[in-house]
């Protein structure tokens, strides 16, 4: 029975990634004028890697060749989240880290990428990394990021049974 579930998993994962990749490609093409609307060869190559279950190569192509901007940010975040849900936190961390390193993103977009990176570390069990990232989220200084950052830190401190630190964070809320 486990073999059947495993086989379906590898069929469903590429199918789940396909819409994310399609949206990313559509957005990349929609930025060009009508006379230049062609599908980039890298995009086709990335889709083929996804379908062939070579997700490492697909991630590499999507990070390297597709520009991250406010229109494609959501697609990149979703792709990273999908990898995290699949248990492939290394790929999720790589995608979300790549987003943070983009200097042209606005503060809200960076905050979203930082939050998602913290979630990646949290799901990977890398609590000290997650703690550092959520502190970075707090340092952005908007009321929303401060609140979310402290709530995430409380979760970490509860997992570590660091009650004093959890209480201190709760006081900040």
N, C-alpha and C. Protein backbone atom coordinates (compact mmCIF):
# COMPACT_ATOMS: atom_id res chain seq x y z
N UNK A 1 0.82 -1.20 0.00
CA UNK A 1 0.00 0.00 0.00
C UNK A 1 0.86 1.26 0.00
N UNK A 2 1.98 1.22 0.75
CA UNK A 2 2.84 2.40 0.80
C UNK A 2 3.42 2.70 -0.58
N UNK A 3 3.75 1.68 -1.33
CA UNK A 3 4.30 1.89 -2.67
C UNK A 3 3.33 2.62 -3.58
N UNK A 4 2.04 2.32 -3.43
CA UNK A 4 1.02 2.99 -4.24
C UNK A 4 0.94 4.46 -3.87
N UNK A 5 0.97 4.77 -2.57
CA UNK A 5 0.92 6.16 -2.12
C UNK A 5 2.16 6.90 -2.61
N UNK A 6 3.31 6.27 -2.52
CA UNK A 6 4.55 6.90 -2.96
C UNK A 6 4.50 7.20 -4.45
N UNK A 7 4.01 6.24 -5.24
CA UNK A 7 3.92 6.46 -6.69
C UNK A 7 2.99 7.62 -7.01
N UNK A 8 1.87 7.71 -6.33
CA UNK A 8 0.93 8.82 -6.56
C UNK A 8 1.54 10.14 -6.15
N UNK A 9 2.32 10.13 -5.09
CA UNK A 9 2.96 11.36 -4.62
C UNK A 9 3.80 11.97 -5.72
N UNK A 10 4.58 11.16 -6.40
CA UNK A 10 5.47 11.67 -7.44
C UNK A 10 4.73 12.05 -8.71
N UNK A 11 3.50 11.58 -8.85
CA UNK A 11 2.68 12.02 -9.98
C UNK A 11 2.00 13.34 -9.64
N UNK A 12 1.51 13.46 -8.41
CA UNK A 12 0.75 14.65 -8.01
C UNK A 12 1.62 15.87 -7.79
N UNK A 13 2.84 15.69 -7.29
CA UNK A 13 3.70 16.84 -7.02
C UNK A 13 4.01 17.64 -8.28
N UNK A 14 4.46 17.02 -9.37
CA UNK A 14 4.68 17.82 -10.58
C UNK A 14 3.40 18.47 -11.10
N UNK A 15 2.29 17.76 -10.96
CA UNK A 15 1.02 18.36 -11.39
C UNK A 15 0.66 19.56 -10.54
N UNK A 16 1.00 19.52 -9.26
CA UNK A 16 0.73 20.67 -8.38
C UNK A 16 1.66 21.83 -8.71
N UNK A 17 2.88 21.55 -9.10
CA UNK A 17 3.83 22.61 -9.44
C UNK A 17 3.57 23.22 -10.81
N UNK A 18 2.92 22.49 -11.67
CA UNK A 18 2.69 22.96 -13.02
C UNK A 18 1.92 24.27 -13.08
N UNK A 19 0.81 24.45 -12.32
CA UNK A 19 0.12 25.75 -12.38
C UNK A 19 0.99 26.90 -11.89
N UNK A 20 1.81 26.66 -10.88
CA UNK A 20 2.69 27.72 -10.38
C UNK A 20 3.67 28.12 -11.47
N UNK A 21 4.24 27.15 -12.13
CA UNK A 21 5.19 27.44 -13.20
C UNK A 21 4.48 28.12 -14.38
N UNK A 22 3.27 27.68 -14.68
CA UNK A 22 2.52 28.28 -15.78
C UNK A 22 2.21 29.75 -15.52
N UNK A 23 1.80 30.06 -14.30
CA UNK A 23 1.51 31.45 -13.94
C UNK A 23 2.78 32.29 -14.04
N UNK A 24 3.88 31.73 -13.57
CA UNK A 24 5.15 32.45 -13.64
C UNK A 24 5.53 32.75 -15.08
N UNK A 25 5.39 31.78 -15.94
CA UNK A 25 5.70 31.98 -17.35
C UNK A 25 4.75 32.96 -18.02
N UNK A 26 3.49 32.87 -17.69
CA UNK A 26 2.51 33.79 -18.26
C UNK A 26 2.82 35.22 -17.86
N UNK A 27 3.15 35.40 -16.59
CA UNK A 27 3.47 36.75 -16.12
C UNK A 27 4.74 37.27 -16.78
N UNK A 28 5.71 36.40 -16.95
CA UNK A 28 6.96 36.82 -17.60
C UNK A 28 6.69 37.24 -19.04
N UNK A 29 5.85 36.51 -19.72
CA UNK A 29 5.53 36.85 -21.11
C UNK A 29 4.64 38.07 -21.20
N UNK A 30 3.75 38.27 -20.25
CA UNK A 30 2.80 39.38 -20.33
C UNK A 30 3.48 40.73 -20.16
N UNK A 31 4.69 40.75 -19.63
CA UNK A 31 5.40 42.01 -19.46
C UNK A 31 5.97 42.52 -20.78
N UNK A 32 6.15 41.66 -21.73
CA UNK A 32 6.68 42.07 -23.03
C UNK A 32 5.54 42.59 -23.90
N UNK A 33 5.88 43.36 -24.92
CA UNK A 33 4.81 43.82 -25.80
C UNK A 33 4.35 42.68 -26.69
N UNK A 34 3.23 42.88 -27.37
CA UNK A 34 2.59 41.82 -28.14
C UNK A 34 3.49 41.20 -29.21
N UNK A 35 4.35 42.01 -29.82
CA UNK A 35 5.20 41.48 -30.89
C UNK A 35 6.32 40.60 -30.34
N UNK A 36 6.61 40.70 -29.06
CA UNK A 36 7.70 39.92 -28.47
C UNK A 36 7.21 38.76 -27.61
N UNK A 37 5.94 38.47 -27.62
CA UNK A 37 5.39 37.44 -26.75
C UNK A 37 5.79 36.05 -27.24
N UNK A 38 6.83 35.55 -26.65
CA UNK A 38 7.27 34.19 -26.90
C UNK A 38 7.61 33.58 -25.56
N UNK A 39 7.56 32.29 -25.51
CA UNK A 39 7.89 31.60 -24.27
C UNK A 39 9.40 31.40 -24.23
N UNK A 40 9.98 31.82 -23.14
CA UNK A 40 11.43 31.71 -22.99
C UNK A 40 11.84 30.24 -22.98
N UNK A 41 12.94 29.91 -23.64
CA UNK A 41 13.41 28.53 -23.64
C UNK A 41 13.71 28.02 -22.23
N UNK A 42 14.17 28.94 -21.36
CA UNK A 42 14.45 28.55 -19.98
C UNK A 42 13.17 28.13 -19.26
N UNK A 43 12.08 28.82 -19.57
CA UNK A 43 10.80 28.49 -18.96
C UNK A 43 10.37 27.07 -19.35
N UNK A 44 10.49 26.75 -20.64
CA UNK A 44 10.14 25.41 -21.12
C UNK A 44 11.04 24.37 -20.46
N UNK A 45 12.32 24.69 -20.36
CA UNK A 45 13.26 23.77 -19.73
C UNK A 45 12.89 23.55 -18.26
N UNK A 46 12.51 24.62 -17.55
CA UNK A 46 12.10 24.50 -16.16
C UNK A 46 10.86 23.64 -16.00
N UNK A 47 9.89 23.83 -16.89
CA UNK A 47 8.68 23.00 -16.86
C UNK A 47 9.01 21.53 -17.10
N UNK A 48 9.89 21.29 -18.06
CA UNK A 48 10.29 19.90 -18.33
C UNK A 48 10.95 19.27 -17.11
N UNK A 49 11.78 20.03 -16.43
CA UNK A 49 12.41 19.49 -15.22
C UNK A 49 11.36 19.18 -14.16
N UNK A 50 10.36 20.04 -14.02
CA UNK A 50 9.29 19.78 -13.06
C UNK A 50 8.55 18.50 -13.42
N UNK A 51 8.21 18.35 -14.69
CA UNK A 51 7.48 17.17 -15.13
C UNK A 51 8.32 15.90 -15.01
N UNK A 52 9.63 16.04 -15.17
CA UNK A 52 10.53 14.89 -15.04
C UNK A 52 10.95 14.65 -13.60
N UNK A 53 10.33 15.39 -12.68
CA UNK A 53 10.59 15.25 -11.24
C UNK A 53 12.03 15.59 -10.88
N UNK A 54 12.61 16.50 -11.62
CA UNK A 54 13.95 16.99 -11.32
C UNK A 54 13.80 18.40 -10.75
N UNK A 55 13.23 18.46 -9.55
CA UNK A 55 12.87 19.75 -8.97
C UNK A 55 14.08 20.61 -8.65
N UNK A 56 15.22 20.01 -8.33
CA UNK A 56 16.43 20.80 -8.06
C UNK A 56 16.80 21.64 -9.29
N UNK A 57 16.79 21.01 -10.44
CA UNK A 57 17.14 21.72 -11.67
C UNK A 57 16.08 22.77 -12.01
N UNK A 58 14.81 22.44 -11.76
CA UNK A 58 13.73 23.40 -12.03
C UNK A 58 13.87 24.64 -11.15
N UNK A 59 14.15 24.44 -9.86
CA UNK A 59 14.33 25.56 -8.95
C UNK A 59 15.49 26.43 -9.42
N UNK A 60 16.58 25.79 -9.80
CA UNK A 60 17.75 26.52 -10.29
C UNK A 60 17.39 27.42 -11.47
N UNK A 61 16.64 26.89 -12.40
CA UNK A 61 16.26 27.67 -13.58
C UNK A 61 15.32 28.81 -13.20
N UNK A 62 14.32 28.54 -12.38
CA UNK A 62 13.37 29.59 -12.03
C UNK A 62 14.05 30.71 -11.24
N UNK A 63 15.00 30.37 -10.40
CA UNK A 63 15.71 31.41 -9.64
C UNK A 63 16.65 32.19 -10.56
N UNK A 64 17.33 31.49 -11.45
CA UNK A 64 18.35 32.13 -12.28
C UNK A 64 17.76 32.99 -13.40
N UNK A 65 16.71 32.52 -14.05
CA UNK A 65 16.26 33.18 -15.27
C UNK A 65 15.02 34.05 -15.13
N UNK A 66 14.24 33.87 -14.07
CA UNK A 66 13.01 34.64 -13.98
C UNK A 66 13.16 35.76 -12.97
N UNK A 67 13.02 36.96 -13.47
CA UNK A 67 13.16 38.15 -12.64
C UNK A 67 12.04 38.19 -11.61
N UNK A 68 12.40 38.53 -10.38
CA UNK A 68 11.42 38.68 -9.32
C UNK A 68 11.04 40.15 -9.26
N UNK A 69 9.77 40.42 -9.40
CA UNK A 69 9.26 41.77 -9.19
C UNK A 69 7.90 41.64 -8.52
N UNK A 70 7.22 42.74 -8.36
CA UNK A 70 5.95 42.69 -7.62
C UNK A 70 4.91 41.83 -8.32
N UNK A 71 5.03 41.65 -9.63
CA UNK A 71 4.05 40.82 -10.32
C UNK A 71 4.36 39.33 -10.23
N UNK A 72 5.62 38.96 -10.08
CA UNK A 72 5.97 37.54 -9.99
C UNK A 72 6.31 37.10 -8.57
N UNK A 73 6.30 38.04 -7.64
CA UNK A 73 6.64 37.72 -6.26
C UNK A 73 5.74 36.62 -5.70
N UNK A 74 4.45 36.77 -5.91
CA UNK A 74 3.50 35.80 -5.37
C UNK A 74 3.77 34.40 -5.91
N UNK A 75 4.12 34.30 -7.17
CA UNK A 75 4.42 33.00 -7.76
C UNK A 75 5.64 32.37 -7.10
N UNK A 76 6.67 33.16 -6.87
CA UNK A 76 7.87 32.64 -6.21
C UNK A 76 7.55 32.21 -4.77
N UNK A 77 6.77 33.02 -4.06
CA UNK A 77 6.39 32.67 -2.69
C UNK A 77 5.60 31.36 -2.68
N UNK A 78 4.65 31.23 -3.60
CA UNK A 78 3.85 30.00 -3.68
C UNK A 78 4.70 28.78 -4.00
N UNK A 79 5.66 28.94 -4.89
CA UNK A 79 6.54 27.83 -5.23
C UNK A 79 7.34 27.40 -4.00
N UNK A 80 7.88 28.37 -3.27
CA UNK A 80 8.61 28.05 -2.03
C UNK A 80 7.71 27.39 -1.01
N UNK A 81 6.49 27.89 -0.86
CA UNK A 81 5.55 27.31 0.10
C UNK A 81 5.19 25.88 -0.28
N UNK A 82 5.04 25.63 -1.57
CA UNK A 82 4.73 24.29 -2.03
C UNK A 82 5.85 23.32 -1.68
N UNK A 83 7.09 23.74 -1.89
CA UNK A 83 8.21 22.89 -1.50
C UNK A 83 8.23 22.65 0.00
N UNK A 84 7.93 23.68 0.79
CA UNK A 84 7.90 23.51 2.25
C UNK A 84 6.84 22.49 2.65
N UNK A 85 5.65 22.59 2.07
CA UNK A 85 4.58 21.64 2.39
C UNK A 85 4.95 20.23 1.99
N UNK A 86 5.73 20.10 0.91
CA UNK A 86 6.19 18.79 0.46
C UNK A 86 7.28 18.23 1.36
N UNK A 87 7.81 19.07 2.24
CA UNK A 87 8.90 18.62 3.10
C UNK A 87 10.28 18.93 2.53
N UNK A 88 10.32 19.62 1.41
CA UNK A 88 11.60 19.97 0.78
C UNK A 88 11.98 21.39 1.22
N UNK A 89 12.30 21.48 2.52
CA UNK A 89 12.54 22.80 3.11
C UNK A 89 13.81 23.46 2.56
N UNK A 90 14.79 22.68 2.15
CA UNK A 90 16.01 23.28 1.58
C UNK A 90 15.68 24.10 0.33
N UNK A 91 14.81 23.56 -0.50
CA UNK A 91 14.41 24.29 -1.72
C UNK A 91 13.58 25.52 -1.36
N UNK A 92 12.69 25.37 -0.39
CA UNK A 92 11.88 26.51 0.05
C UNK A 92 12.77 27.61 0.61
N UNK A 93 13.74 27.22 1.42
CA UNK A 93 14.68 28.20 1.99
C UNK A 93 15.44 28.90 0.87
N UNK A 94 15.86 28.16 -0.11
CA UNK A 94 16.61 28.75 -1.22
C UNK A 94 15.78 29.77 -1.99
N UNK A 95 14.54 29.43 -2.27
CA UNK A 95 13.67 30.34 -3.02
C UNK A 95 13.37 31.59 -2.21
N UNK A 96 12.99 31.41 -0.93
CA UNK A 96 12.63 32.57 -0.11
C UNK A 96 13.86 33.43 0.20
N UNK A 97 15.02 32.82 0.37
CA UNK A 97 16.26 33.61 0.57
C UNK A 97 16.56 34.44 -0.66
N UNK A 98 16.35 33.85 -1.82
CA UNK A 98 16.57 34.56 -3.07
C UNK A 98 15.67 35.80 -3.15
N UNK A 99 14.44 35.68 -2.68
CA UNK A 99 13.53 36.83 -2.69
C UNK A 99 14.04 37.95 -1.80
N UNK A 100 14.52 37.60 -0.63
CA UNK A 100 14.99 38.60 0.34
C UNK A 100 16.18 39.37 -0.23
N UNK A 101 17.01 38.70 -0.99
CA UNK A 101 18.22 39.33 -1.52
C UNK A 101 17.97 40.25 -2.70
N UNK A 102 16.73 40.37 -3.12
CA UNK A 102 16.39 41.28 -4.23
C UNK A 102 16.22 42.69 -3.69
N UNK A 103 17.06 43.60 -4.11
CA UNK A 103 17.06 44.96 -3.55
C UNK A 103 15.90 45.81 -4.05
N UNK A 104 15.32 45.46 -5.18
CA UNK A 104 14.29 46.31 -5.76
C UNK A 104 12.88 46.04 -5.23
N UNK A 105 12.72 45.08 -4.33
CA UNK A 105 11.39 44.79 -3.78
C UNK A 105 11.02 45.80 -2.71
N UNK A 106 9.74 46.12 -2.64
CA UNK A 106 9.29 47.07 -1.62
C UNK A 106 9.29 46.41 -0.25
N UNK A 107 9.06 47.22 0.77
CA UNK A 107 9.13 46.74 2.16
C UNK A 107 8.12 45.63 2.45
N UNK A 108 6.91 45.76 1.94
CA UNK A 108 5.89 44.74 2.18
C UNK A 108 6.28 43.40 1.55
N UNK A 109 6.85 43.44 0.36
CA UNK A 109 7.28 42.22 -0.32
C UNK A 109 8.44 41.57 0.44
N UNK A 110 9.38 42.37 0.89
CA UNK A 110 10.50 41.82 1.67
C UNK A 110 9.99 41.21 2.98
N UNK A 111 9.04 41.89 3.62
CA UNK A 111 8.48 41.38 4.88
C UNK A 111 7.82 40.02 4.65
N UNK A 112 7.09 39.87 3.56
CA UNK A 112 6.46 38.59 3.24
C UNK A 112 7.51 37.51 3.02
N UNK A 113 8.56 37.83 2.29
CA UNK A 113 9.63 36.86 2.04
C UNK A 113 10.35 36.49 3.33
N UNK A 114 10.58 37.45 4.19
CA UNK A 114 11.24 37.18 5.48
C UNK A 114 10.37 36.27 6.33
N UNK A 115 9.08 36.56 6.38
CA UNK A 115 8.15 35.72 7.14
C UNK A 115 8.17 34.28 6.61
N UNK A 116 8.10 34.13 5.29
CA UNK A 116 8.08 32.79 4.70
C UNK A 116 9.40 32.05 4.97
N UNK A 117 10.52 32.76 4.94
CA UNK A 117 11.80 32.14 5.25
C UNK A 117 11.82 31.67 6.70
N UNK A 118 11.28 32.47 7.60
CA UNK A 118 11.17 32.05 9.00
C UNK A 118 10.34 30.79 9.15
N UNK A 119 9.24 30.72 8.40
CA UNK A 119 8.40 29.52 8.43
C UNK A 119 9.16 28.30 7.89
N UNK A 120 9.97 28.52 6.86
CA UNK A 120 10.79 27.43 6.32
C UNK A 120 11.72 26.87 7.39
N UNK A 121 12.42 27.77 8.07
CA UNK A 121 13.34 27.34 9.12
C UNK A 121 12.59 26.66 10.26
N UNK A 122 11.44 27.19 10.60
CA UNK A 122 10.63 26.60 11.67
C UNK A 122 10.23 25.17 11.31
N UNK A 123 9.75 24.97 10.10
CA UNK A 123 9.35 23.64 9.66
C UNK A 123 10.53 22.68 9.52
N UNK A 124 11.71 23.23 9.26
CA UNK A 124 12.91 22.40 9.17
C UNK A 124 13.48 22.06 10.54
N UNK A 125 12.93 22.70 11.58
CA UNK A 125 13.43 22.47 12.93
C UNK A 125 14.67 23.27 13.26
N UNK A 126 14.99 24.25 12.44
CA UNK A 126 16.16 25.10 12.66
C UNK A 126 15.70 26.32 13.45
N UNK A 127 15.46 26.10 14.73
CA UNK A 127 14.82 27.12 15.56
C UNK A 127 15.67 28.37 15.74
N UNK A 128 16.98 28.22 15.86
CA UNK A 128 17.82 29.42 16.04
C UNK A 128 17.81 30.27 14.76
N UNK A 129 17.80 29.63 13.60
CA UNK A 129 17.70 30.39 12.35
C UNK A 129 16.34 31.08 12.24
N UNK A 130 15.28 30.35 12.61
CA UNK A 130 13.94 30.93 12.57
C UNK A 130 13.85 32.12 13.52
N UNK A 131 14.42 31.97 14.71
CA UNK A 131 14.41 33.06 15.68
C UNK A 131 15.08 34.31 15.11
N UNK A 132 16.22 34.13 14.50
CA UNK A 132 16.96 35.25 13.90
C UNK A 132 16.13 35.94 12.81
N UNK A 133 15.47 35.14 11.98
CA UNK A 133 14.68 35.70 10.88
C UNK A 133 13.47 36.46 11.42
N UNK A 134 12.80 35.91 12.43
CA UNK A 134 11.63 36.59 12.98
C UNK A 134 12.02 37.87 13.71
N UNK A 135 13.20 37.90 14.30
CA UNK A 135 13.69 39.15 14.90
C UNK A 135 13.93 40.19 13.80
N UNK A 136 14.40 39.73 12.68
CA UNK A 136 14.59 40.63 11.53
C UNK A 136 13.23 41.18 11.07
N UNK A 137 12.21 40.35 11.11
CA UNK A 137 10.87 40.78 10.75
C UNK A 137 10.38 41.87 11.70
N UNK A 138 10.64 41.69 12.99
CA UNK A 138 10.25 42.69 13.99
C UNK A 138 10.96 44.01 13.72
N UNK A 139 12.22 43.94 13.33
CA UNK A 139 13.02 45.14 13.09
C UNK A 139 12.54 45.97 11.90
N UNK A 140 11.71 45.39 11.06
CA UNK A 140 11.13 46.18 9.96
C UNK A 140 10.31 47.32 10.55
N UNK A 141 9.65 47.05 11.67
CA UNK A 141 9.07 48.13 12.45
C UNK A 141 7.64 48.53 12.16
N UNK A 142 6.95 47.86 11.24
CA UNK A 142 5.55 48.20 11.05
C UNK A 142 4.71 47.44 12.08
N UNK A 143 3.55 47.97 12.45
CA UNK A 143 2.74 47.28 13.46
C UNK A 143 2.44 45.82 13.09
N UNK A 144 2.17 45.56 11.82
CA UNK A 144 1.87 44.19 11.40
C UNK A 144 3.06 43.26 11.54
N UNK A 145 4.24 43.72 11.12
CA UNK A 145 5.42 42.85 11.18
C UNK A 145 5.86 42.62 12.62
N UNK A 146 5.70 43.63 13.44
CA UNK A 146 6.07 43.48 14.86
C UNK A 146 5.19 42.42 15.51
N UNK A 147 3.89 42.52 15.29
CA UNK A 147 2.95 41.58 15.91
C UNK A 147 3.21 40.14 15.44
N UNK A 148 3.34 39.96 14.13
CA UNK A 148 3.57 38.62 13.58
C UNK A 148 4.91 38.08 14.07
N UNK A 149 5.93 38.92 14.07
CA UNK A 149 7.26 38.49 14.51
C UNK A 149 7.26 38.01 15.95
N UNK A 150 6.62 38.77 16.83
CA UNK A 150 6.57 38.36 18.23
C UNK A 150 5.76 37.08 18.42
N UNK A 151 4.67 36.94 17.69
CA UNK A 151 3.87 35.70 17.81
C UNK A 151 4.69 34.48 17.37
N UNK A 152 5.46 34.65 16.32
CA UNK A 152 6.30 33.54 15.86
C UNK A 152 7.41 33.23 16.87
N UNK A 153 7.99 34.27 17.45
CA UNK A 153 9.01 34.05 18.49
C UNK A 153 8.42 33.33 19.69
N UNK A 154 7.20 33.68 20.06
CA UNK A 154 6.54 32.99 21.18
C UNK A 154 6.42 31.50 20.86
N UNK A 155 6.04 31.17 19.64
CA UNK A 155 5.94 29.76 19.24
C UNK A 155 7.28 29.05 19.40
N UNK A 156 8.34 29.70 18.96
CA UNK A 156 9.68 29.11 19.08
C UNK A 156 10.05 28.92 20.54
N UNK A 157 9.85 29.94 21.35
CA UNK A 157 10.23 29.86 22.76
C UNK A 157 9.40 28.83 23.50
N UNK A 158 8.15 28.65 23.11
CA UNK A 158 7.34 27.59 23.72
C UNK A 158 7.90 26.22 23.35
N UNK A 159 8.33 26.05 22.10
CA UNK A 159 8.91 24.78 21.67
C UNK A 159 10.20 24.49 22.43
N UNK A 160 10.96 25.54 22.72
CA UNK A 160 12.22 25.38 23.44
C UNK A 160 12.02 25.38 24.96
N UNK A 161 10.79 25.62 25.38
CA UNK A 161 10.46 25.75 26.81
C UNK A 161 11.24 26.89 27.47
N UNK A 162 11.43 27.94 26.70
CA UNK A 162 12.08 29.16 27.20
C UNK A 162 10.98 30.12 27.63
N UNK A 163 10.41 29.80 28.78
CA UNK A 163 9.19 30.49 29.22
C UNK A 163 9.41 31.98 29.46
N UNK A 164 10.56 32.35 30.01
CA UNK A 164 10.81 33.77 30.29
C UNK A 164 10.84 34.58 28.99
N UNK A 165 11.49 34.03 27.98
CA UNK A 165 11.55 34.73 26.70
C UNK A 165 10.16 34.80 26.05
N UNK A 166 9.38 33.74 26.18
CA UNK A 166 8.02 33.74 25.64
C UNK A 166 7.17 34.80 26.32
N UNK A 167 7.30 34.90 27.63
CA UNK A 167 6.54 35.90 28.39
C UNK A 167 6.97 37.30 27.98
N UNK A 168 8.27 37.50 27.81
CA UNK A 168 8.77 38.81 27.40
C UNK A 168 8.22 39.22 26.03
N UNK A 169 8.15 38.28 25.12
CA UNK A 169 7.57 38.56 23.80
C UNK A 169 6.08 38.86 23.91
N UNK A 170 5.39 38.12 24.75
CA UNK A 170 3.95 38.35 24.94
C UNK A 170 3.70 39.75 25.49
N UNK A 171 4.58 40.22 26.33
CA UNK A 171 4.44 41.58 26.86
C UNK A 171 4.57 42.64 25.77
N UNK A 172 5.34 42.34 24.75
CA UNK A 172 5.53 43.28 23.65
C UNK A 172 4.28 43.41 22.77
N UNK A 173 3.43 42.41 22.85
CA UNK A 173 2.20 42.46 22.06
C UNK A 173 1.22 43.36 22.77
